[in-house]
Amino acid sequence: MRWEFKINNPYESRRAEGERIRREYPDRCAVIVERAPNSRIADLPSKKYLVPNDLTVGQFYFLIRKRIQLRPEDALFFFVNNTIPSTSITMGELYQQHADEDKFLYVAYSDESVYG
């Protein structure tokens, strides 16, 4: 996936910001959330989130659903490195497993369970 955040921000500045966030907020993880290609769901007003490490992926789903203002019957899927993460793990665990070299975790969302 082409991440708009990566395109608009050079690696050095992303890395510096990611390291600063980890230093200042060790109990949180920096997450970039962007709409997957071909998704019919609206764009989020903000793409950058500072998420508590102990928040579960399921709780994060709820937060994003609220921000997008999805109806209960509308589907929402997350993709991290082309896989759908388990809703029971924490965002901190997901960050440890999948954080990019720039110290951000990249999450794509879609209304379909097929990526791309």
PDB file of N, CA and C in Angstrom:
ATOM      1  N   MET A   1       0.847  -1.184   0.000  1.00  0.00           N
ATOM      2  CA  MET A   1       0.000   0.000   0.000  1.00  0.00           C
ATOM      3  C   MET A   1       0.889   1.243   0.000  1.00  0.00           C
ATOM      4  N   ARG A   2       0.457   2.230  -0.721  1.00  0.00           N
ATOM      5  CA  ARG A   2       1.153   3.525  -0.711  1.00  0.00           C
ATOM      6  C   ARG A   2       0.588   4.344   0.441  1.00  0.00           C
ATOM      7  N   TRP A   3       1.415   4.578   1.430  1.00  0.00           N
ATOM      8  CA  TRP A   3       0.986   5.326   2.614  1.00  0.00           C
ATOM      9  C   TRP A   3       1.177   6.814   2.357  1.00  0.00           C
ATOM     10  N   GLU A   4       0.077   7.555   2.404  1.00  0.00           N
ATOM     11  CA  GLU A   4       0.114   8.996   2.195  1.00  0.00           C
ATOM     12  C   GLU A   4       1.050   9.674   3.203  1.00  0.00           C
ATOM     13  N   PHE A   5       1.037   9.189   4.440  1.00  0.00           N
ATOM     14  CA  PHE A   5       1.897   9.757   5.476  1.00  0.00           C
ATOM     15  C   PHE A   5       3.373   9.607   5.103  1.00  0.00           C
ATOM     16  N   LYS A   6       3.734   8.460   4.554  1.00  0.00           N
ATOM     17  CA  LYS A   6       5.126   8.236   4.140  1.00  0.00           C
ATOM     18  C   LYS A   6       5.493   9.093   2.936  1.00  0.00           C
ATOM     19  N   ILE A   7       4.563   9.261   2.019  1.00  0.00           N
ATOM     20  CA  ILE A   7       4.820  10.065   0.824  1.00  0.00           C
ATOM     21  C   ILE A   7       5.022  11.532   1.186  1.00  0.00           C
ATOM     22  N   ASN A   8       4.200  12.032   2.114  1.00  0.00           N
ATOM     23  CA  ASN A   8       4.230  13.450   2.471  1.00  0.00           C
ATOM     24  C   ASN A   8       5.282  13.831   3.513  1.00  0.00           C
ATOM     25  N   ASN A   9       5.898  12.840   4.152  1.00  0.00           N
ATOM     26  CA  ASN A   9       6.882  13.112   5.207  1.00  0.00           C
ATOM     27  C   ASN A   9       8.140  12.286   4.962  1.00  0.00           C
ATOM     28  N   PRO A  10       9.286  12.938   4.805  1.00  0.00           N
ATOM     29  CA  PRO A  10      10.520  12.182   4.557  1.00  0.00           C
ATOM     30  C   PRO A  10      10.863  11.264   5.739  1.00  0.00           C
ATOM     31  N   TYR A  11      11.553  10.180   5.419  1.00  0.00           N
ATOM     32  CA  TYR A  11      11.888   9.169   6.419  1.00  0.00           C
ATOM     33  C   TYR A  11      12.556   9.771   7.647  1.00  0.00           C
ATOM     34  N   GLU A  12      13.524  10.655   7.463  1.00  0.00           N
ATOM     35  CA  GLU A  12      14.275  11.206   8.594  1.00  0.00           C
ATOM     36  C   GLU A  12      13.362  11.936   9.576  1.00  0.00           C
ATOM     37  N   SER A  13      12.411  12.704   9.056  1.00  0.00           N
ATOM     38  CA  SER A  13      11.509  13.435   9.958  1.00  0.00           C
ATOM     39  C   SER A  13      10.515  12.487  10.626  1.00  0.00           C
ATOM     40  N   ARG A  14      10.044  11.458   9.897  1.00  0.00           N
ATOM     41  CA  ARG A  14       9.151  10.461  10.504  1.00  0.00           C
ATOM     42  C   ARG A  14       9.876   9.720  11.617  1.00  0.00           C
ATOM     43  N   ARG A  15      11.103   9.309  11.350  1.00  0.00           N
ATOM     44  CA  ARG A  15      11.895   8.565  12.338  1.00  0.00           C
ATOM     45  C   ARG A  15      12.151   9.424  13.579  1.00  0.00           C
ATOM     46  N   ALA A  16      12.530  10.681  13.383  1.00  0.00           N
ATOM     47  CA  ALA A  16      12.782  11.587  14.511  1.00  0.00           C
ATOM     48  C   ALA A  16      11.507  11.775  15.332  1.00  0.00           C
ATOM     49  N   GLU A  17      10.381  11.957  14.663  1.00  0.00           N
ATOM     50  CA  GLU A  17       9.117  12.128  15.382  1.00  0.00           C
ATOM     51  C   GLU A  17       8.729  10.846  16.117  1.00  0.00           C
ATOM     52  N   GLY A  18       8.897   9.700  15.462  1.00  0.00           N
ATOM     53  CA  GLY A  18       8.591   8.411  16.092  1.00  0.00           C
ATOM     54  C   GLY A  18       9.434   8.163  17.327  1.00  0.00           C
ATOM     55  N   GLU A  19      10.732   8.479  17.244  1.00  0.00           N
ATOM     56  CA  GLU A  19      11.619   8.304  18.401  1.00  0.00           C
ATOM     57  C   GLU A  19      11.263   9.269  19.525  1.00  0.00           C
ATOM     58  N   ARG A  20      10.919  10.505  19.179  1.00  0.00           N
ATOM     59  CA  ARG A  20      10.523  11.491  20.191  1.00  0.00           C
ATOM     60  C   ARG A  20       9.261  11.032  20.923  1.00  0.00           C
ATOM     61  N   ILE A  21       8.293  10.524  20.174  1.00  0.00           N
ATOM     62  CA  ILE A  21       7.051  10.042  20.773  1.00  0.00           C
ATOM     63  C   ILE A  21       7.334   8.878  21.724  1.00  0.00           C
ATOM     64  N   ARG A  22       8.189   7.945  21.309  1.00  0.00           N
ATOM     65  CA  ARG A  22       8.520   6.789  22.165  1.00  0.00           C
ATOM     66  C   ARG A  22       9.209   7.247  23.449  1.00  0.00           C
ATOM     67  N   ARG A  23      10.041   8.282  23.341  1.00  0.00           N
ATOM     68  CA  ARG A  23      10.746   8.820  24.521  1.00  0.00           C
ATOM     69  C   ARG A  23       9.780   9.524  25.468  1.00  0.00           C
ATOM     70  N   GLU A  24       8.938  10.383  24.911  1.00  0.00           N
ATOM     71  CA  GLU A  24       8.034  11.195  25.729  1.00  0.00           C
ATOM     72  C   GLU A  24       6.824  10.421  26.243  1.00  0.00           C
ATOM     73  N   TYR A  25       6.395   9.411  25.500  1.00  0.00           N
ATOM     74  CA  TYR A  25       5.208   8.641  25.866  1.00  0.00           C
ATOM     75  C   TYR A  25       5.504   7.133  25.783  1.00  0.00           C
ATOM     76  N   PRO A  26       6.304   6.604  26.698  1.00  0.00           N
ATOM     77  CA  PRO A  26       6.677   5.188  26.607  1.00  0.00           C
ATOM     78  C   PRO A  26       5.501   4.223  26.787  1.00  0.00           C
ATOM     79  N   ASP A  27       4.395   4.702  27.342  1.00  0.00           N
ATOM     80  CA  ASP A  27       3.221   3.849  27.555  1.00  0.00           C
ATOM     81  C   ASP A  27       2.216   3.940  26.403  1.00  0.00           C
ATOM     82  N   ARG A  28       2.640   4.576  25.307  1.00  0.00           N
ATOM     83  CA  ARG A  28       1.754   4.736  24.135  1.00  0.00           C
ATOM     84  C   ARG A  28       2.499   4.374  22.851  1.00  0.00           C
ATOM     85  N   CYS A  29       1.733   4.100  21.808  1.00  0.00           N
ATOM     86  CA  CYS A  29       2.354   3.823  20.514  1.00  0.00           C
ATOM     87  C   CYS A  29       1.777   4.767  19.457  1.00  0.00           C
ATOM     88  N   ALA A  30       2.636   5.160  18.546  1.00  0.00           N
ATOM     89  CA  ALA A  30       2.258   6.062  17.457  1.00  0.00           C
ATOM     90  C   ALA A  30       1.694   5.221  16.310  1.00  0.00           C
ATOM     91  N   VAL A  31       0.456   5.518  15.936  1.00  0.00           N
ATOM     92  CA  VAL A  31      -0.232   4.724  14.921  1.00  0.00           C
ATOM     93  C   VAL A  31      -0.711   5.638  13.791  1.00  0.00           C
ATOM     94  N   ILE A  32      -0.431   5.223  12.571  1.00  0.00           N
ATOM     95  CA  ILE A  32      -0.934   5.906  11.381  1.00  0.00           C
ATOM     96  C   ILE A  32      -2.067   5.037  10.832  1.00  0.00           C
ATOM     97  N   VAL A  33      -3.241   5.630  10.681  1.00  0.00           N
ATOM     98  CA  VAL A  33      -4.417   4.893  10.201  1.00  0.00           C
ATOM     99  C   VAL A  33      -4.878   5.546   8.907  1.00  0.00           C
ATOM    100  N   GLU A  34      -4.850   4.769   7.818  1.00  0.00           N
ATOM    101  CA  GLU A  34      -5.264   5.289   6.518  1.00  0.00           C
ATOM    102  C   GLU A  34      -6.221   4.310   5.846  1.00  0.00           C
ATOM    103  N   ARG A  35      -7.054   4.868   5.001  1.00  0.00           N
ATOM    104  CA  ARG A  35      -8.031   4.075   4.246  1.00  0.00           C
ATOM    105  C   ARG A  35      -7.310   3.232   3.199  1.00  0.00           C
ATOM    106  N   ALA A  36      -7.692   1.968   3.103  1.00  0.00           N
ATOM    107  CA  ALA A  36      -7.110   1.067   2.100  1.00  0.00           C
ATOM    108  C   ALA A  36      -7.608   1.451   0.711  1.00  0.00           C
ATOM    109  N   PRO A  37      -6.813   1.140  -0.318  1.00  0.00           N
ATOM    110  CA  PRO A  37      -7.261   1.425  -1.690  1.00  0.00           C
ATOM    111  C   PRO A  37      -8.579   0.690  -1.967  1.00  0.00           C
ATOM    112  N   ASN A  38      -9.437   1.301  -2.733  1.00  0.00           N
ATOM    113  CA  ASN A  38     -10.728   0.734  -3.140  1.00  0.00           C
ATOM    114  C   ASN A  38     -11.745   0.614  -2.012  1.00  0.00           C
ATOM    115  N   SER A  39     -11.436   1.102  -0.831  1.00  0.00           N
ATOM    116  CA  SER A  39     -12.397   1.085   0.263  1.00  0.00           C
ATOM    117  C   SER A  39     -13.457   2.156   0.027  1.00  0.00           C
ATOM    118  N   ARG A  40     -14.695   1.830   0.390  1.00  0.00           N
ATOM    119  CA  ARG A  40     -15.792   2.784   0.212  1.00  0.00           C
ATOM    120  C   ARG A  40     -16.069   3.579   1.486  1.00  0.00           C
ATOM    121  N   ILE A  41     -15.274   3.353   2.514  1.00  0.00           N
ATOM    122  CA  ILE A  41     -15.449   4.064   3.783  1.00  0.00           C
ATOM    123  C   ILE A  41     -14.791   5.441   3.673  1.00  0.00           C
ATOM    124  N   ALA A  42     -15.360   6.390   4.386  1.00  0.00           N
ATOM    125  CA  ALA A  42     -14.837   7.762   4.368  1.00  0.00           C
ATOM    126  C   ALA A  42     -13.440   7.837   4.976  1.00  0.00           C
ATOM    127  N   ASP A  43     -12.715   8.890   4.603  1.00  0.00           N
ATOM    128  CA  ASP A  43     -11.407   9.156   5.206  1.00  0.00           C
ATOM    129  C   ASP A  43     -11.585   9.628   6.633  1.00  0.00           C
ATOM    130  N   LEU A  44     -10.615   9.310   7.464  1.00  0.00           N
ATOM    131  CA  LEU A  44     -10.604   9.812   8.838  1.00  0.00           C
ATOM    132  C   LEU A  44     -10.166  11.273   8.839  1.00  0.00           C
ATOM    133  N   PRO A  45     -10.683  12.067   9.765  1.00  0.00           N
ATOM    134  CA  PRO A  45     -10.236  13.464   9.845  1.00  0.00           C
ATOM    135  C   PRO A  45      -8.763  13.570  10.249  1.00  0.00           C
ATOM    136  N   SER A  46      -8.306  12.624  11.038  1.00  0.00           N
ATOM    137  CA  SER A  46      -6.903  12.593  11.459  1.00  0.00           C
ATOM    138  C   SER A  46      -6.338  11.217  11.155  1.00  0.00           C
ATOM    139  N   LYS A  47      -5.110  11.172  10.712  1.00  0.00           N
ATOM    140  CA  LYS A  47      -4.477   9.891  10.394  1.00  0.00           C
ATOM    141  C   LYS A  47      -3.507   9.428  11.481  1.00  0.00           C
ATOM    142  N   LYS A  48      -3.117  10.340  12.355  1.00  0.00           N
ATOM    143  CA  LYS A  48      -2.114  10.052  13.370  1.00  0.00           C
ATOM    144  C   LYS A  48      -2.778   9.907  14.737  1.00  0.00           C
ATOM    145  N   TYR A  49      -2.473   8.796  15.424  1.00  0.00           N
ATOM    146  CA  TYR A  49      -3.065   8.537  16.735  1.00  0.00           C
ATOM    147  C   TYR A  49      -1.976   8.122  17.720  1.00  0.00           C
ATOM    148  N   LEU A  50      -2.118   8.578  18.948  1.00  0.00           N
ATOM    149  CA  LEU A  50      -1.244   8.191  20.043  1.00  0.00           C
ATOM    150  C   LEU A  50      -2.094   7.298  20.942  1.00  0.00           C
ATOM    151  N   VAL A  51      -1.845   5.994  20.879  1.00  0.00           N
ATOM    152  CA  VAL A  51      -2.733   4.999  21.461  1.00  0.00           C
ATOM    153  C   VAL A  51      -2.086   4.346  22.682  1.00  0.00           C
ATOM    154  N   PRO A  52      -2.835   4.195  23.789  1.00  0.00           N
ATOM    155  CA  PRO A  52      -2.282   3.491  24.951  1.00  0.00           C
ATOM    156  C   PRO A  52      -1.870   2.064  24.579  1.00  0.00           C
ATOM    157  N   ASN A  53      -0.719   1.629  25.082  1.00  0.00           N
ATOM    158  CA  ASN A  53      -0.230   0.280  24.788  1.00  0.00           C
ATOM    159  C   ASN A  53      -1.197  -0.810  25.223  1.00  0.00           C
ATOM    160  N   ASP A  54      -1.955  -0.562  26.313  1.00  0.00           N
ATOM    161  CA  ASP A  54      -2.833  -1.605  26.842  1.00  0.00           C
ATOM    162  C   ASP A  54      -4.231  -1.613  26.217  1.00  0.00           C
ATOM    163  N   LEU A  55      -4.494  -0.724  25.270  1.00  0.00           N
ATOM    164  CA  LEU A  55      -5.767  -0.727  24.546  1.00  0.00           C
ATOM    165  C   LEU A  55      -5.782  -1.941  23.620  1.00  0.00           C
ATOM    166  N   THR A  56      -6.880  -2.690  23.609  1.00  0.00           N
ATOM    167  CA  THR A  56      -6.929  -3.840  22.701  1.00  0.00           C
ATOM    168  C   THR A  56      -7.248  -3.377  21.282  1.00  0.00           C
ATOM    169  N   VAL A  57      -6.930  -4.221  20.321  1.00  0.00           N
ATOM    170  CA  VAL A  57      -7.264  -3.917  18.924  1.00  0.00           C
ATOM    171  C   VAL A  57      -8.781  -3.765  18.792  1.00  0.00           C
ATOM    172  N   GLY A  58      -9.546  -4.579  19.520  1.00  0.00           N
ATOM    173  CA  GLY A  58     -11.004  -4.469  19.496  1.00  0.00           C
ATOM    174  C   GLY A  58     -11.482  -3.107  19.975  1.00  0.00           C
ATOM    175  N   GLN A  59     -10.873  -2.580  21.024  1.00  0.00           N
ATOM    176  CA  GLN A  59     -11.228  -1.249  21.512  1.00  0.00           C
ATOM    177  C   GLN A  59     -10.833  -0.175  20.505  1.00  0.00           C
ATOM    178  N   PHE A  60      -9.704  -0.389  19.826  1.00  0.00           N
ATOM    179  CA  PHE A  60      -9.267   0.558  18.801  1.00  0.00           C
ATOM    180  C   PHE A  60     -10.235   0.550  17.619  1.00  0.00           C
ATOM    181  N   TYR A  61     -10.748  -0.650  17.247  1.00  0.00           N
ATOM    182  CA  TYR A  61     -11.786  -0.743  16.217  1.00  0.00           C
ATOM    183  C   TYR A  61     -12.958   0.165  16.586  1.00  0.00           C
ATOM    184  N   PHE A  62     -13.404   0.060  17.840  1.00  0.00           N
ATOM    185  CA  PHE A  62     -14.548   0.847  18.302  1.00  0.00           C
ATOM    186  C   PHE A  62     -14.261   2.345  18.169  1.00  0.00           C
ATOM    187  N   LEU A  63     -13.071   2.752  18.571  1.00  0.00           N
ATOM    188  CA  LEU A  63     -12.673   4.157  18.489  1.00  0.00           C
ATOM    189  C   LEU A  63     -12.703   4.655  17.041  1.00  0.00           C
ATOM    190  N   ILE A  64     -12.140   3.875  16.132  1.00  0.00           N
ATOM    191  CA  ILE A  64     -12.095   4.271  14.717  1.00  0.00           C
ATOM    192  C   ILE A  64     -13.501   4.256  14.114  1.00  0.00           C
ATOM    193  N   ARG A  65     -14.298   3.256  14.460  1.00  0.00           N
ATOM    194  CA  ARG A  65     -15.690   3.217  13.967  1.00  0.00           C
ATOM    195  C   ARG A  65     -16.426   4.494  14.344  1.00  0.00           C
ATOM    196  N   LYS A  66     -16.212   4.949  15.583  1.00  0.00           N
ATOM    197  CA  LYS A  66     -16.858   6.162  16.067  1.00  0.00           C
ATOM    198  C   LYS A  66     -16.374   7.390  15.292  1.00  0.00           C
ATOM    199  N   ARG A  67     -15.062   7.450  15.027  1.00  0.00           N
ATOM    200  CA  ARG A  67     -14.499   8.602  14.304  1.00  0.00           C
ATOM    201  C   ARG A  67     -14.997   8.664  12.866  1.00  0.00           C
ATOM    202  N   ILE A  68     -15.186   7.500  12.247  1.00  0.00           N
ATOM    203  CA  ILE A  68     -15.672   7.452  10.865  1.00  0.00           C
ATOM    204  C   ILE A  68     -17.202   7.598  10.827  1.00  0.00           C
ATOM    205  N   GLN A  69     -17.835   7.385  11.958  1.00  0.00           N
ATOM    206  CA  GLN A  69     -19.293   7.430  12.097  1.00  0.00           C
ATOM    207  C   GLN A  69     -19.960   6.325  11.275  1.00  0.00           C
ATOM    208  N   LEU A  70     -19.437   5.106  11.442  1.00  0.00           N
ATOM    209  CA  LEU A  70     -20.034   3.958  10.761  1.00  0.00           C
ATOM    210  C   LEU A  70     -21.286   3.501  11.495  1.00  0.00           C
ATOM    211  N   ARG A  71     -22.240   2.998  10.738  1.00  0.00           N
ATOM    212  CA  ARG A  71     -23.434   2.402  11.332  1.00  0.00           C
ATOM    213  C   ARG A  71     -23.068   1.024  11.881  1.00  0.00           C
ATOM    214  N   PRO A  72     -23.809   0.517  12.864  1.00  0.00           N
ATOM    215  CA  PRO A  72     -23.492  -0.796  13.439  1.00  0.00           C
ATOM    216  C   PRO A  72     -23.445  -1.928  12.413  1.00  0.00           C
ATOM    217  N   GLU A  73     -24.263  -1.825  11.366  1.00  0.00           N
ATOM    218  CA  GLU A  73     -24.298  -2.907  10.376  1.00  0.00           C
ATOM    219  C   GLU A  73     -23.181  -2.807   9.329  1.00  0.00           C
ATOM    220  N   ASP A  74     -22.429  -1.710   9.329  1.00  0.00           N
ATOM    221  CA  ASP A  74     -21.336  -1.533   8.371  1.00  0.00           C
ATOM    222  C   ASP A  74     -20.082  -2.282   8.831  1.00  0.00           C
ATOM    223  N   ALA A  75     -19.446  -2.967   7.908  1.00  0.00           N
ATOM    224  CA  ALA A  75     -18.243  -3.736   8.218  1.00  0.00           C
ATOM    225  C   ALA A  75     -17.024  -2.824   8.265  1.00  0.00           C
ATOM    226  N   LEU A  76     -16.074  -3.201   9.114  1.00  0.00           N
ATOM    227  CA  LEU A  76     -14.788  -2.506   9.189  1.00  0.00           C
ATOM    228  C   LEU A  76     -13.710  -3.543   9.439  1.00  0.00           C
ATOM    229  N   PHE A  77     -12.663  -3.511   8.629  1.00  0.00           N
ATOM    230  CA  PHE A  77     -11.543  -4.424   8.783  1.00  0.00           C
ATOM    231  C   PHE A  77     -10.254  -3.630   8.867  1.00  0.00           C
ATOM    232  N   PHE A  78      -9.349  -4.085   9.729  1.00  0.00           N
ATOM    233  CA  PHE A  78      -8.007  -3.508   9.829  1.00  0.00           C
ATOM    234  C   PHE A  78      -7.027  -4.438   9.152  1.00  0.00           C
ATOM    235  N   PHE A  79      -5.987  -3.847   8.565  1.00  0.00           N
ATOM    236  CA  PHE A  79      -4.896  -4.620   7.985  1.00  0.00           C
ATOM    237  C   PHE A  79      -3.579  -4.049   8.485  1.00  0.00           C
ATOM    238  N   VAL A  80      -2.737  -4.923   8.971  1.00  0.00           N
ATOM    239  CA  VAL A  80      -1.392  -4.541   9.388  1.00  0.00           C
ATOM    240  C   VAL A  80      -0.448  -5.492   8.661  1.00  0.00           C
ATOM    241  N   ASN A  81       0.374  -4.953   7.799  1.00  0.00           N
ATOM    242  CA  ASN A  81       1.254  -5.780   6.959  1.00  0.00           C
ATOM    243  C   ASN A  81       0.469  -6.864   6.221  1.00  0.00           C
ATOM    244  N   ASN A  82      -0.651  -6.457   5.629  1.00  0.00           N
ATOM    245  CA  ASN A  82      -1.497  -7.326   4.798  1.00  0.00           C
ATOM    246  C   ASN A  82      -2.211  -8.440   5.554  1.00  0.00           C
ATOM    247  N   THR A  83      -2.255  -8.386   6.879  1.00  0.00           N
ATOM    248  CA  THR A  83      -2.982  -9.381   7.663  1.00  0.00           C
ATOM    249  C   THR A  83      -3.988  -8.669   8.569  1.00  0.00           C
ATOM    250  N   ILE A  84      -5.035  -9.391   8.940  1.00  0.00           N
ATOM    251  CA  ILE A  84      -6.040  -8.858   9.857  1.00  0.00           C
ATOM    252  C   ILE A  84      -5.607  -9.223  11.273  1.00  0.00           C
ATOM    253  N   PRO A  85      -5.356  -8.232  12.130  1.00  0.00           N
ATOM    254  CA  PRO A  85      -4.894  -8.542  13.491  1.00  0.00           C
ATOM    255  C   PRO A  85      -6.032  -9.071  14.372  1.00  0.00           C
ATOM    256  N   SER A  86      -5.662  -9.866  15.351  1.00  0.00           N
ATOM    257  CA  SER A  86      -6.620 -10.380  16.328  1.00  0.00           C
ATOM    258  C   SER A  86      -7.133  -9.229  17.181  1.00  0.00           C
ATOM    259  N   THR A  87      -8.424  -9.216  17.446  1.00  0.00           N
ATOM    260  CA  THR A  87      -9.001  -8.134  18.243  1.00  0.00           C
ATOM    261  C   THR A  87      -8.654  -8.248  19.721  1.00  0.00           C
ATOM    262  N   SER A  88      -8.128  -9.387  20.147  1.00  0.00           N
ATOM    263  CA  SER A  88      -7.847  -9.583  21.571  1.00  0.00           C
ATOM    264  C   SER A  88      -6.448  -9.134  21.995  1.00  0.00           C
ATOM    265  N   ILE A  89      -5.545  -8.910  21.048  1.00  0.00           N
ATOM    266  CA  ILE A  89      -4.205  -8.473  21.453  1.00  0.00           C
ATOM    267  C   ILE A  89      -4.201  -6.966  21.695  1.00  0.00           C
ATOM    268  N   THR A  90      -3.207  -6.513  22.426  1.00  0.00           N
ATOM    269  CA  THR A  90      -3.136  -5.079  22.711  1.00  0.00           C
ATOM    270  C   THR A  90      -2.434  -4.354  21.565  1.00  0.00           C
ATOM    271  N   MET A  91      -2.680  -3.072  21.503  1.00  0.00           N
ATOM    272  CA  MET A  91      -2.015  -2.251  20.492  1.00  0.00           C
ATOM    273  C   MET A  91      -0.509  -2.253  20.737  1.00  0.00           C
ATOM    274  N   GLY A  92      -0.093  -2.330  21.991  1.00  0.00           N
ATOM    275  CA  GLY A  92       1.334  -2.409  22.315  1.00  0.00           C
ATOM    276  C   GLY A  92       1.975  -3.667  21.736  1.00  0.00           C
ATOM    277  N   GLU A  93       1.271  -4.799  21.843  1.00  0.00           N
ATOM    278  CA  GLU A  93       1.780  -6.048  21.264  1.00  0.00           C
ATOM    279  C   GLU A  93       1.838  -5.944  19.745  1.00  0.00           C
ATOM    280  N   LEU A  94       0.790  -5.373  19.160  1.00  0.00           N
ATOM    281  CA  LEU A  94       0.755  -5.197  17.707  1.00  0.00           C
ATOM    282  C   LEU A  94       1.897  -4.290  17.257  1.00  0.00           C
ATOM    283  N   TYR A  95       2.138  -3.240  18.028  1.00  0.00           N
ATOM    284  CA  TYR A  95       3.237  -2.316  17.733  1.00  0.00           C
ATOM    285  C   TYR A  95       4.579  -3.050  17.795  1.00  0.00           C
ATOM    286  N   GLN A  96       4.790  -3.837  18.841  1.00  0.00           N
ATOM    287  CA  GLN A  96       6.057  -4.572  18.986  1.00  0.00           C
ATOM    288  C   GLN A  96       6.293  -5.522  17.808  1.00  0.00           C
ATOM    289  N   GLN A  97       5.224  -6.129  17.319  1.00  0.00           N
ATOM    290  CA  GLN A  97       5.335  -7.098  16.226  1.00  0.00           C
ATOM    291  C   GLN A  97       5.457  -6.451  14.839  1.00  0.00           C
ATOM    292  N   HIS A  98       4.850  -5.269  14.659  1.00  0.00           N
ATOM    293  CA  HIS A  98       4.711  -4.743  13.304  1.00  0.00           C
ATOM    294  C   HIS A  98       5.137  -3.297  13.089  1.00  0.00           C
ATOM    295  N   ALA A  99       5.735  -2.660  14.079  1.00  0.00           N
ATOM    296  CA  ALA A  99       6.127  -1.253  13.899  1.00  0.00           C
ATOM    297  C   ALA A  99       7.139  -1.131  12.759  1.00  0.00           C
ATOM    298  N   ASP A 100       7.000  -0.078  12.004  1.00  0.00           N
ATOM    299  CA  ASP A 100       7.905   0.216  10.897  1.00  0.00           C
ATOM    300  C   ASP A 100       9.237   0.723  11.459  1.00  0.00           C
ATOM    301  N   GLU A 101      10.232   0.774  10.614  1.00  0.00           N
ATOM    302  CA  GLU A 101      11.546   1.288  11.028  1.00  0.00           C
ATOM    303  C   GLU A 101      11.484   2.733  11.494  1.00  0.00           C
ATOM    304  N   ASP A 102      10.458   3.467  11.048  1.00  0.00           N
ATOM    305  CA  ASP A 102      10.325   4.871  11.455  1.00  0.00           C
ATOM    306  C   ASP A 102       9.625   5.027  12.809  1.00  0.00           C
ATOM    307  N   LYS A 103       9.354   3.900  13.481  1.00  0.00           N
ATOM    308  CA  LYS A 103       8.744   3.871  14.820  1.00  0.00           C
ATOM    309  C   LYS A 103       7.251   4.161  14.829  1.00  0.00           C
ATOM    310  N   PHE A 104       6.599   4.061  13.668  1.00  0.00           N
ATOM    311  CA  PHE A 104       5.146   4.183  13.596  1.00  0.00           C
ATOM    312  C   PHE A 104       4.559   2.824  13.237  1.00  0.00           C
ATOM    313  N   LEU A 105       3.359   2.556  13.732  1.00  0.00           N
ATOM    314  CA  LEU A 105       2.604   1.373  13.336  1.00  0.00           C
ATOM    315  C   LEU A 105       1.613   1.828  12.267  1.00  0.00           C
ATOM    316  N   TYR A 106       1.595   1.150  11.126  1.00  0.00           N
ATOM    317  CA  TYR A 106       0.721   1.521  10.023  1.00  0.00           C
ATOM    318  C   TYR A 106      -0.461   0.556   9.947  1.00  0.00           C
ATOM    319  N   VAL A 107      -1.672   1.119  10.023  1.00  0.00           N
ATOM    320  CA  VAL A 107      -2.911   0.337   9.992  1.00  0.00           C
ATOM    321  C   VAL A 107      -3.775   0.858   8.848  1.00  0.00           C
ATOM    322  N   ALA A 108      -4.149  -0.042   7.958  1.00  0.00           N
ATOM    323  CA  ALA A 108      -5.082   0.311   6.883  1.00  0.00           C
ATOM    324  C   ALA A 108      -6.463  -0.196   7.282  1.00  0.00           C
ATOM    325  N   TYR A 109      -7.503   0.532   6.872  1.00  0.00           N
ATOM    326  CA  TYR A 109      -8.863   0.071   7.168  1.00  0.00           C
ATOM    327  C   TYR A 109      -9.671   0.021   5.884  1.00  0.00           C
ATOM    328  N   SER A 110     -10.641  -0.895   5.892  1.00  0.00           N
ATOM    329  CA  SER A 110     -11.467  -1.092   4.705  1.00  0.00           C
ATOM    330  C   SER A 110     -12.827  -1.650   5.111  1.00  0.00           C
ATOM    331  N   ASP A 111     -13.758  -1.595   4.184  1.00  0.00           N
ATOM    332  CA  ASP A 111     -15.069  -2.195   4.398  1.00  0.00           C
ATOM    333  C   ASP A 111     -15.133  -3.614   3.858  1.00  0.00           C
ATOM    334  N   GLU A 112     -14.028  -4.099   3.322  1.00  0.00           N
ATOM    335  CA  GLU A 112     -13.960  -5.469   2.809  1.00  0.00           C
ATOM    336  C   GLU A 112     -12.811  -6.201   3.455  1.00  0.00           C
ATOM    337  N   SER A 113     -12.966  -7.525   3.606  1.00  0.00           N
ATOM    338  CA  SER A 113     -11.944  -8.314   4.288  1.00  0.00           C
ATOM    339  C   SER A 113     -10.807  -8.740   3.371  1.00  0.00           C
ATOM    340  N   VAL A 114     -10.799  -8.233   2.136  1.00  0.00           N
ATOM    341  CA  VAL A 114      -9.723  -8.526   1.188  1.00  0.00           C
ATOM    342  C   VAL A 114      -8.901  -7.266   1.027  1.00  0.00           C
ATOM    343  N   TYR A 115      -7.602  -7.390   1.222  1.00  0.00           N
ATOM    344  CA  TYR A 115      -6.712  -6.234   1.178  1.00  0.00           C
ATOM    345  C   TYR A 115      -6.363  -5.869  -0.255  1.00  0.00           C
ATOM    346  N   GLY A 116      -6.396  -4.552  -0.557  1.00  0.00           N
ATOM    347  CA  GLY A 116      -5.905  -4.036  -1.833  1.00  0.00           C
ATOM    348  C   GLY A 116      -6.771  -4.235  -2.997  1.00  0.00           C
TER     349      GLY A 116
END
